């Protein structure tokens, strides 16, 4: 929660903004789960999102599915 907030941009985009960009896309939960675990760069600007090595594939998928739900 130091990098993302539900409704406002912090270091990274808000969870609502992420959900809005990916909602309805086929495979979005899997793609976001991969970004949660492995990190990402360039999708939202110049600040990269570091990998979350402590999150396993099941947890990442659960987080992505929650994120794509109605926040």
Protein backbone atom coordinates (compact mmCIF):
# COMPACT_ATOMS: atom_id res chain seq x y z
CA UNK A 1 0.00 0.00 0.00
CA UNK A 2 3.02 2.29 -0.06
CA UNK A 3 2.93 2.46 -3.87
CA UNK A 4 -0.77 2.14 -4.76
CA UNK A 5 -3.99 3.47 -3.25
CA UNK A 6 -7.55 2.53 -4.13
CA UNK A 7 -8.56 5.96 -5.36
CA UNK A 8 -5.50 8.16 -5.85
CA UNK A 9 -2.09 8.00 -7.47
CA UNK A 10 0.85 7.51 -5.12
CA UNK A 11 4.13 6.23 -6.57
CA UNK A 12 2.11 4.12 -9.00
CA UNK A 13 -1.40 4.48 -10.40
CA UNK A 14 -4.50 3.97 -8.28
CA UNK A 15 -6.10 0.54 -8.19
CA UNK A 16 -9.17 2.08 -9.84
CA UNK A 17 -7.08 3.41 -12.73
CA UNK A 18 -5.43 0.02 -13.21
CA UNK A 19 -8.80 -1.73 -13.14
CA UNK A 20 -10.20 0.76 -15.64
CA UNK A 21 -7.37 0.15 -18.09
CA UNK A 22 -7.55 -3.65 -17.96
CA UNK A 23 -11.20 -4.39 -17.16
CA UNK A 24 -12.91 -6.44 -19.86
CA UNK A 25 -9.68 -7.49 -21.55
CA UNK A 26 -9.28 -11.20 -22.18
CA UNK A 27 -6.46 -12.57 -20.02
CA UNK A 28 -6.18 -9.40 -17.94
CA UNK A 29 -6.12 -11.23 -14.58
CA UNK A 30 -3.29 -13.48 -15.74
CA UNK A 31 -1.34 -10.54 -17.20
CA UNK A 32 -1.72 -8.50 -14.01
CA UNK A 33 -0.78 -11.50 -11.86
CA UNK A 34 2.44 -11.77 -13.84
CA UNK A 35 3.17 -8.08 -13.32
CA UNK A 36 2.48 -8.40 -9.60
CA UNK A 37 4.98 -11.25 -9.26
CA UNK A 38 7.65 -10.18 -11.79
CA UNK A 39 7.33 -6.41 -11.76
CA UNK A 40 6.76 -4.11 -14.71
CA UNK A 41 8.26 -1.10 -16.42
CA UNK A 42 6.94 1.52 -18.81
CA UNK A 43 3.22 0.77 -18.57
CA UNK A 44 2.43 3.82 -16.43
CA UNK A 45 5.44 6.07 -16.92
CA UNK A 46 9.09 5.96 -16.00
CA UNK A 47 8.87 4.55 -12.46
CA UNK A 48 9.19 0.74 -12.61
CA UNK A 49 7.15 -1.55 -10.39
CA UNK A 50 9.50 -3.93 -8.58
CA UNK A 51 8.84 -7.67 -8.44
CA UNK A 52 6.96 -9.04 -5.44
CA UNK A 53 8.87 -12.28 -4.96
CA UNK A 54 7.02 -13.04 -1.73
CA UNK A 55 3.72 -13.38 -3.65
CA UNK A 56 3.07 -16.79 -5.20
CA UNK A 57 1.07 -17.40 -8.40
CA UNK A 58 -2.19 -18.21 -6.58
CA UNK A 59 -1.97 -15.08 -4.43
CA UNK A 60 -1.10 -12.91 -7.42
CA UNK A 61 -4.09 -14.23 -9.38
CA UNK A 62 -6.37 -13.60 -6.39
CA UNK A 63 -5.06 -10.02 -6.10
CA UNK A 64 -5.50 -9.40 -9.83
CA UNK A 65 -9.02 -10.80 -9.78
CA UNK A 66 -9.88 -8.57 -6.80
CA UNK A 67 -8.36 -5.59 -8.58
CA UNK A 68 -10.49 -6.17 -11.68
CA UNK A 69 -13.65 -6.41 -9.56
CA UNK A 70 -15.73 -3.42 -8.58
CA UNK A 71 -13.64 -1.20 -6.30
